[in-house]
Amino acid sequence: MTTNRPAGPDLAALIRLWGQGLVHPIAAMESLPDTGAPKQGLAAVLIRFAIQDLAQTLPLALLGRRPFMPAKVPIRPKNHYRTQLVYLPVFGLGAWLLMGGAVAGLLRLTGQKLDVRRVLDVIGVGMLIPMPALWLGDVALIAVDGFRMPALAFINVPTQLWETALFGIGLHTTLDLPWRPAVLAALTASTVYVVGASRFV
């Protein structure tokens, strides 16, 4: 599909895309660029994890909270959230690249033609659109000292399902993939993220 959409958005354009994605995700994905580097996806990932640091990690660090489950990283529990302030954006970028790589590898194995840069745009924007609901939920749980399971599951699970749906919509819309491989690829991307987040975040 070629519509000669522009390849390099500015911040205002990304914010408009974000708002559009909340109310009309198909139109948002259709507006992603057809060419160029995955600037939309990169900017979206950076914004997602920067705000997540401010909304979630910073308050937990300032309150001296410890992880409610043991982390798979060699960090003392009392220092976990202070350290996460630094590594969360790095984790986010790594997860974005791994998710894009996993989707691209899967689709190539099934004989689908694709541009991995477009995959990364879809994954990045899909990771950002649902986040306001998650951030608001996190802030509320931190405020009432409820940032733990099972309360987190009522926020994280619907958000992850929303992300997965956006990945599928984006891959179908942007890459002209049939629905079946698009959904399979979306599930693969979400699995990569959940496995990584369960170990490091």
C-alpha atoms as a PDB file:
ATOM      1  CA  MET A   1       0.000   0.000   0.000  1.00  0.00           C
ATOM      2  CA  THR A   2       1.491   3.342  -1.034  1.00  0.00           C
ATOM      3  CA  THR A   3      -0.123   6.639  -0.150  1.00  0.00           C
ATOM      4  CA  ASN A   4       2.991   8.835  -0.022  1.00  0.00           C
ATOM      5  CA  ARG A   5       2.402   9.755   3.610  1.00  0.00           C
ATOM      6  CA  PRO A   6       5.138  11.901   5.183  1.00  0.00           C
ATOM      7  CA  ALA A   7       7.993  10.090   6.916  1.00  0.00           C
ATOM      8  CA  GLY A   8       9.105  12.497   9.629  1.00  0.00           C
ATOM      9  CA  PRO A   9       6.581  13.685  12.230  1.00  0.00           C
ATOM     10  CA  ASP A  10       7.148  16.401  14.793  1.00  0.00           C
ATOM     11  CA  LEU A  11       6.046  16.137  18.425  1.00  0.00           C
ATOM     12  CA  ALA A  12       2.745  17.954  17.824  1.00  0.00           C
ATOM     13  CA  ALA A  13       1.904  15.544  15.009  1.00  0.00           C
ATOM     14  CA  LEU A  14       2.663  12.573  17.249  1.00  0.00           C
ATOM     15  CA  ILE A  15       0.433  13.958  20.002  1.00  0.00           C
ATOM     16  CA  ARG A  16      -2.387  14.414  17.482  1.00  0.00           C
ATOM     17  CA  LEU A  17      -1.824  10.846  16.300  1.00  0.00           C
ATOM     18  CA  TRP A  18      -1.950   9.677  19.917  1.00  0.00           C
ATOM     19  CA  GLY A  19      -5.288  11.376  20.480  1.00  0.00           C
ATOM     20  CA  GLN A  20      -6.643  10.018  17.211  1.00  0.00           C
ATOM     21  CA  GLY A  21      -5.538   6.536  18.208  1.00  0.00           C
ATOM     22  CA  LEU A  22      -7.636   6.704  21.365  1.00  0.00           C
ATOM     23  CA  VAL A  23     -10.848   7.378  19.434  1.00  0.00           C
ATOM     24  CA  HIS A  24     -10.174   6.016  15.937  1.00  0.00           C
ATOM     25  CA  PRO A  25      -7.260   3.537  15.968  1.00  0.00           C
ATOM     26  CA  ILE A  26      -7.729   2.421  12.366  1.00  0.00           C
ATOM     27  CA  ALA A  27      -7.408   5.982  11.074  1.00  0.00           C
ATOM     28  CA  ALA A  28      -4.373   6.529  13.294  1.00  0.00           C
ATOM     29  CA  MET A  29      -2.612   3.463  11.921  1.00  0.00           C
ATOM     30  CA  GLU A  30      -3.548   4.404   8.357  1.00  0.00           C
ATOM     31  CA  SER A  31      -1.821   7.758   8.853  1.00  0.00           C
ATOM     32  CA  LEU A  32       1.551   6.208   9.672  1.00  0.00           C
ATOM     33  CA  PRO A  33       4.244   6.958   7.072  1.00  0.00           C
ATOM     34  CA  ASP A  34       4.970   4.547   4.228  1.00  0.00           C
ATOM     35  CA  THR A  35       8.683   5.354   3.951  1.00  0.00           C
ATOM     36  CA  GLY A  36      11.692   6.443   5.951  1.00  0.00           C
ATOM     37  CA  ALA A  37      13.068   5.574   9.365  1.00  0.00           C
ATOM     38  CA  PRO A  38      10.595   4.520  12.097  1.00  0.00           C
ATOM     39  CA  LYS A  39      10.583   7.957  13.721  1.00  0.00           C
ATOM     40  CA  GLN A  40       6.966   7.699  14.841  1.00  0.00           C
ATOM     41  CA  GLY A  41       7.626   4.426  16.628  1.00  0.00           C
ATOM     42  CA  LEU A  42      10.849   5.619  18.237  1.00  0.00           C
ATOM     43  CA  ALA A  43       9.307   8.842  19.505  1.00  0.00           C
ATOM     44  CA  ALA A  44       6.272   6.975  20.817  1.00  0.00           C
ATOM     45  CA  VAL A  45       8.416   4.522  22.774  1.00  0.00           C
ATOM     46  CA  LEU A  46      10.551   7.272  24.270  1.00  0.00           C
ATOM     47  CA  ILE A  47       7.444   9.196  25.365  1.00  0.00           C
ATOM     48  CA  ARG A  48       5.800   6.080  26.797  1.00  0.00           C
ATOM     49  CA  PHE A  49       8.686   5.102  29.038  1.00  0.00           C
ATOM     50  CA  ALA A  50       9.642   8.642  30.028  1.00  0.00           C
ATOM     51  CA  ILE A  51       6.106   9.286  31.295  1.00  0.00           C
ATOM     52  CA  GLN A  52       5.960   5.847  32.900  1.00  0.00           C
ATOM     53  CA  ASP A  53       9.119   6.724  34.828  1.00  0.00           C
ATOM     54  CA  LEU A  54       7.492   9.966  36.033  1.00  0.00           C
ATOM     55  CA  ALA A  55       4.057   8.517  36.809  1.00  0.00           C
ATOM     56  CA  GLN A  56       5.094   5.186  38.294  1.00  0.00           C
ATOM     57  CA  THR A  57       8.792   4.698  38.992  1.00  0.00           C
ATOM     58  CA  LEU A  58       9.593   8.119  40.479  1.00  0.00           C
ATOM     59  CA  PRO A  59       6.753   8.062  43.066  1.00  0.00           C
ATOM     60  CA  LEU A  60       7.652   4.496  44.070  1.00  0.00           C
ATOM     61  CA  ALA A  61      11.303   5.507  44.462  1.00  0.00           C
ATOM     62  CA  LEU A  62      10.464   8.616  46.497  1.00  0.00           C
ATOM     63  CA  LEU A  63       8.174   6.595  48.779  1.00  0.00           C
ATOM     64  CA  GLY A  64      10.879   3.990  49.341  1.00  0.00           C
ATOM     65  CA  ARG A  65       8.706   1.158  48.042  1.00  0.00           C
ATOM     66  CA  ARG A  66      10.120  -2.249  47.174  1.00  0.00           C
ATOM     67  CA  PRO A  67       8.985  -4.550  44.324  1.00  0.00           C
ATOM     68  CA  PHE A  68       5.968  -6.639  45.318  1.00  0.00           C
ATOM     69  CA  MET A  69       7.604  -9.580  43.509  1.00  0.00           C
ATOM     70  CA  PRO A  70      11.324 -10.453  43.341  1.00  0.00           C
ATOM     71  CA  ALA A  71      12.901  -8.981  40.205  1.00  0.00           C
ATOM     72  CA  LYS A  72      15.223 -11.001  37.965  1.00  0.00           C
ATOM     73  CA  VAL A  73      17.861  -8.264  38.021  1.00  0.00           C
ATOM     74  CA  PRO A  74      20.801  -8.055  40.478  1.00  0.00           C
ATOM     75  CA  ILE A  75      19.525  -4.971  42.307  1.00  0.00           C
ATOM     76  CA  ARG A  76      18.805  -4.723  46.015  1.00  0.00           C
ATOM     77  CA  PRO A  77      15.041  -4.406  46.543  1.00  0.00           C
ATOM     78  CA  LYS A  78      15.419  -1.115  48.421  1.00  0.00           C
ATOM     79  CA  ASN A  79      17.249   0.381  45.419  1.00  0.00           C
ATOM     80  CA  HIS A  80      15.101  -1.193  42.712  1.00  0.00           C
ATOM     81  CA  TYR A  81      12.920   1.769  41.742  1.00  0.00           C
ATOM     82  CA  ARG A  82      15.741   4.304  41.949  1.00  0.00           C
ATOM     83  CA  THR A  83      17.731   2.139  39.551  1.00  0.00           C
ATOM     84  CA  GLN A  84      14.686   1.561  37.344  1.00  0.00           C
ATOM     85  CA  LEU A  85      14.459   5.313  36.775  1.00  0.00           C
ATOM     86  CA  VAL A  86      17.658   4.960  34.749  1.00  0.00           C
ATOM     87  CA  TYR A  87      17.185   1.651  32.980  1.00  0.00           C
ATOM     88  CA  LEU A  88      13.448   1.731  32.180  1.00  0.00           C
ATOM     89  CA  PRO A  89      13.831   3.821  28.985  1.00  0.00           C
ATOM     90  CA  VAL A  90      16.671   1.519  27.879  1.00  0.00           C
ATOM     91  CA  PHE A  91      14.486  -1.506  28.574  1.00  0.00           C
ATOM     92  CA  GLY A  92      11.679   0.113  26.573  1.00  0.00           C
ATOM     93  CA  LEU A  93      13.873   0.684  23.536  1.00  0.00           C
ATOM     94  CA  GLY A  94      15.232  -2.849  23.731  1.00  0.00           C
ATOM     95  CA  ALA A  95      11.750  -4.333  24.059  1.00  0.00           C
ATOM     96  CA  TRP A  96      10.522  -2.288  21.086  1.00  0.00           C
ATOM     97  CA  LEU A  97      13.367  -3.543  18.901  1.00  0.00           C
ATOM     98  CA  LEU A  98      12.930  -7.165  20.039  1.00  0.00           C
ATOM     99  CA  MET A  99       9.184  -7.019  19.453  1.00  0.00           C
ATOM    100  CA  GLY A 100       9.700  -5.587  15.967  1.00  0.00           C
ATOM    101  CA  GLY A 101      12.373  -8.164  15.216  1.00  0.00           C
ATOM    102  CA  ALA A 102      10.199 -11.042  16.415  1.00  0.00           C
ATOM    103  CA  VAL A 103       7.264  -9.863  14.283  1.00  0.00           C
ATOM    104  CA  ALA A 104       9.470  -9.360  11.226  1.00  0.00           C
ATOM    105  CA  GLY A 105      11.071 -12.783  11.647  1.00  0.00           C
ATOM    106  CA  LEU A 106       7.727 -14.515  12.058  1.00  0.00           C
ATOM    107  CA  LEU A 107       6.178 -12.835   9.047  1.00  0.00           C
ATOM    108  CA  ARG A 108       9.166 -13.582   6.845  1.00  0.00           C
ATOM    109  CA  LEU A 109       8.946 -17.253   7.846  1.00  0.00           C
ATOM    110  CA  THR A 110       5.341 -17.241   6.643  1.00  0.00           C
ATOM    111  CA  GLY A 111       6.339 -15.673   3.330  1.00  0.00           C
ATOM    112  CA  GLN A 112       4.929 -12.208   3.983  1.00  0.00           C
ATOM    113  CA  LYS A 113       6.576  -9.178   2.393  1.00  0.00           C
ATOM    114  CA  LEU A 114       7.250  -6.401   4.854  1.00  0.00           C
ATOM    115  CA  ASP A 115       9.344  -3.391   5.773  1.00  0.00           C
ATOM    116  CA  VAL A 116      10.648  -3.798   9.320  1.00  0.00           C
ATOM    117  CA  ARG A 117      10.659  -0.004   9.716  1.00  0.00           C
ATOM    118  CA  ARG A 118       6.898   0.038   9.267  1.00  0.00           C
ATOM    119  CA  VAL A 119       6.578  -2.793  11.762  1.00  0.00           C
ATOM    120  CA  LEU A 120       8.535  -0.727  14.302  1.00  0.00           C
ATOM    121  CA  ASP A 121       6.265   2.274  13.713  1.00  0.00           C
ATOM    122  CA  VAL A 122       3.191   0.135  14.361  1.00  0.00           C
ATOM    123  CA  ILE A 123       4.674  -1.464  17.478  1.00  0.00           C
ATOM    124  CA  GLY A 124       5.856   1.849  18.937  1.00  0.00           C
ATOM    125  CA  VAL A 125       2.595   3.696  18.377  1.00  0.00           C
ATOM    126  CA  GLY A 126       0.612   0.694  19.593  1.00  0.00           C
ATOM    127  CA  MET A 127       2.673   0.685  22.796  1.00  0.00           C
ATOM    128  CA  LEU A 128       1.852   4.351  23.452  1.00  0.00           C
ATOM    129  CA  ILE A 129      -1.853   4.780  22.638  1.00  0.00           C
ATOM    130  CA  PRO A 130      -3.399   2.891  25.616  1.00  0.00           C
ATOM    131  CA  MET A 131      -0.998   4.199  28.242  1.00  0.00           C
ATOM    132  CA  PRO A 132      -3.043   7.057  29.817  1.00  0.00           C
ATOM    133  CA  ALA A 133      -5.392   4.483  31.355  1.00  0.00           C
ATOM    134  CA  LEU A 134      -2.443   2.543  32.761  1.00  0.00           C
ATOM    135  CA  TRP A 135      -0.721   5.631  34.143  1.00  0.00           C
ATOM    136  CA  LEU A 136      -3.881   6.862  35.854  1.00  0.00           C
ATOM    137  CA  GLY A 137      -4.437   3.419  37.349  1.00  0.00           C
ATOM    138  CA  ASP A 138      -0.853   3.204  38.567  1.00  0.00           C
ATOM    139  CA  VAL A 139      -1.031   6.645  40.184  1.00  0.00           C
ATOM    140  CA  ALA A 140      -4.261   5.722  41.948  1.00  0.00           C
ATOM    141  CA  LEU A 141      -2.870   2.435  43.259  1.00  0.00           C
ATOM    142  CA  ILE A 142       0.349   4.064  44.452  1.00  0.00           C
ATOM    143  CA  ALA A 143      -1.672   6.743  46.261  1.00  0.00           C
ATOM    144  CA  VAL A 144      -3.642   4.140  48.235  1.00  0.00           C
ATOM    145  CA  ASP A 145      -0.658   1.811  48.763  1.00  0.00           C
ATOM    146  CA  GLY A 146      -2.226  -0.793  46.498  1.00  0.00           C
ATOM    147  CA  PHE A 147       0.480  -1.132  43.856  1.00  0.00           C
ATOM    148  CA  ARG A 148       0.579  -4.931  43.902  1.00  0.00           C
ATOM    149  CA  MET A 149      -1.274  -7.977  42.658  1.00  0.00           C
ATOM    150  CA  PRO A 150      -4.130  -8.682  42.218  1.00  0.00           C
ATOM    151  CA  ALA A 151      -5.107  -5.009  41.822  1.00  0.00           C
ATOM    152  CA  LEU A 152      -2.498  -4.421  39.101  1.00  0.00           C
ATOM    153  CA  ALA A 153      -3.941  -7.230  37.010  1.00  0.00           C
ATOM    154  CA  PHE A 154      -7.195  -5.299  36.584  1.00  0.00           C
ATOM    155  CA  ILE A 155      -5.191  -2.521  34.893  1.00  0.00           C
ATOM    156  CA  ASN A 156      -2.333  -4.323  33.171  1.00  0.00           C
ATOM    157  CA  VAL A 157      -4.266  -7.154  31.524  1.00  0.00           C
ATOM    158  CA  PRO A 158      -6.838  -4.958  29.723  1.00  0.00           C
ATOM    159  CA  THR A 159      -4.071  -2.550  28.685  1.00  0.00           C
ATOM    160  CA  GLN A 160      -1.992  -5.377  27.225  1.00  0.00           C
ATOM    161  CA  LEU A 161      -5.004  -6.731  25.349  1.00  0.00           C
ATOM    162  CA  TRP A 162      -5.662  -3.230  24.000  1.00  0.00           C
ATOM    163  CA  GLU A 163      -2.038  -2.980  22.846  1.00  0.00           C
ATOM    164  CA  THR A 164      -2.259  -6.374  21.174  1.00  0.00           C
ATOM    165  CA  ALA A 165      -5.395  -5.334  19.315  1.00  0.00           C
ATOM    166  CA  LEU A 166      -3.647  -2.151  18.141  1.00  0.00           C
ATOM    167  CA  PHE A 167      -0.671  -4.159  16.883  1.00  0.00           C
ATOM    168  CA  GLY A 168      -2.993  -6.382  14.877  1.00  0.00           C
ATOM    169  CA  ILE A 169      -4.943  -3.430  13.475  1.00  0.00           C
ATOM    170  CA  GLY A 170      -1.733  -1.610  12.586  1.00  0.00           C
ATOM    171  CA  LEU A 171      -0.089  -4.571  10.886  1.00  0.00           C
ATOM    172  CA  HIS A 172      -3.262  -5.292   8.912  1.00  0.00           C
ATOM    173  CA  THR A 173      -3.713  -1.642   7.932  1.00  0.00           C
ATOM    174  CA  THR A 174      -0.136  -0.507   7.366  1.00  0.00           C
ATOM    175  CA  LEU A 175       1.370  -3.649   5.840  1.00  0.00           C
ATOM    176  CA  ASP A 176      -1.791  -4.959   4.135  1.00  0.00           C
ATOM    177  CA  LEU A 177      -1.435  -8.220   6.053  1.00  0.00           C
ATOM    178  CA  PRO A 178      -4.363 -10.645   6.146  1.00  0.00           C
ATOM    179  CA  TRP A 179      -5.988 -10.715   9.577  1.00  0.00           C
ATOM    180  CA  ARG A 180      -4.723 -14.154  10.592  1.00  0.00           C
ATOM    181  CA  PRO A 181      -0.974 -13.423  10.299  1.00  0.00           C
ATOM    182  CA  ALA A 182      -1.547  -9.910  11.654  1.00  0.00           C
ATOM    183  CA  VAL A 183      -3.180 -11.277  14.804  1.00  0.00           C
ATOM    184  CA  LEU A 184      -0.532 -13.983  15.194  1.00  0.00           C
ATOM    185  CA  ALA A 185       2.223 -11.374  14.853  1.00  0.00           C
ATOM    186  CA  ALA A 186       0.469  -9.091  17.360  1.00  0.00           C
ATOM    187  CA  LEU A 187       0.281 -11.911  19.904  1.00  0.00           C
ATOM    188  CA  THR A 188       3.961 -12.636  19.329  1.00  0.00           C
ATOM    189  CA  ALA A 189       4.918  -9.010  19.985  1.00  0.00           C
ATOM    190  CA  SER A 190       2.888  -8.903  23.195  1.00  0.00           C
ATOM    191  CA  THR A 191       4.389 -12.170  24.401  1.00  0.00           C
ATOM    192  CA  VAL A 192       7.901 -10.803  23.917  1.00  0.00           C
ATOM    193  CA  TYR A 193       7.002  -7.700  25.925  1.00  0.00           C
ATOM    194  CA  VAL A 194       5.269  -9.541  28.770  1.00  0.00           C
ATOM    195  CA  VAL A 195       8.169 -11.981  29.168  1.00  0.00           C
ATOM    196  CA  GLY A 196      10.689  -9.136  29.234  1.00  0.00           C
ATOM    197  CA  ALA A 197       8.661  -6.959  31.598  1.00  0.00           C
ATOM    198  CA  SER A 198       8.121  -9.849  34.014  1.00  0.00           C
ATOM    199  CA  ARG A 199      11.878 -10.178  34.382  1.00  0.00           C
ATOM    200  CA  PHE A 200      13.096  -6.601  34.432  1.00  0.00           C
ATOM    201  CA  VAL A 201      10.268  -4.207  35.405  1.00  0.00           C
END
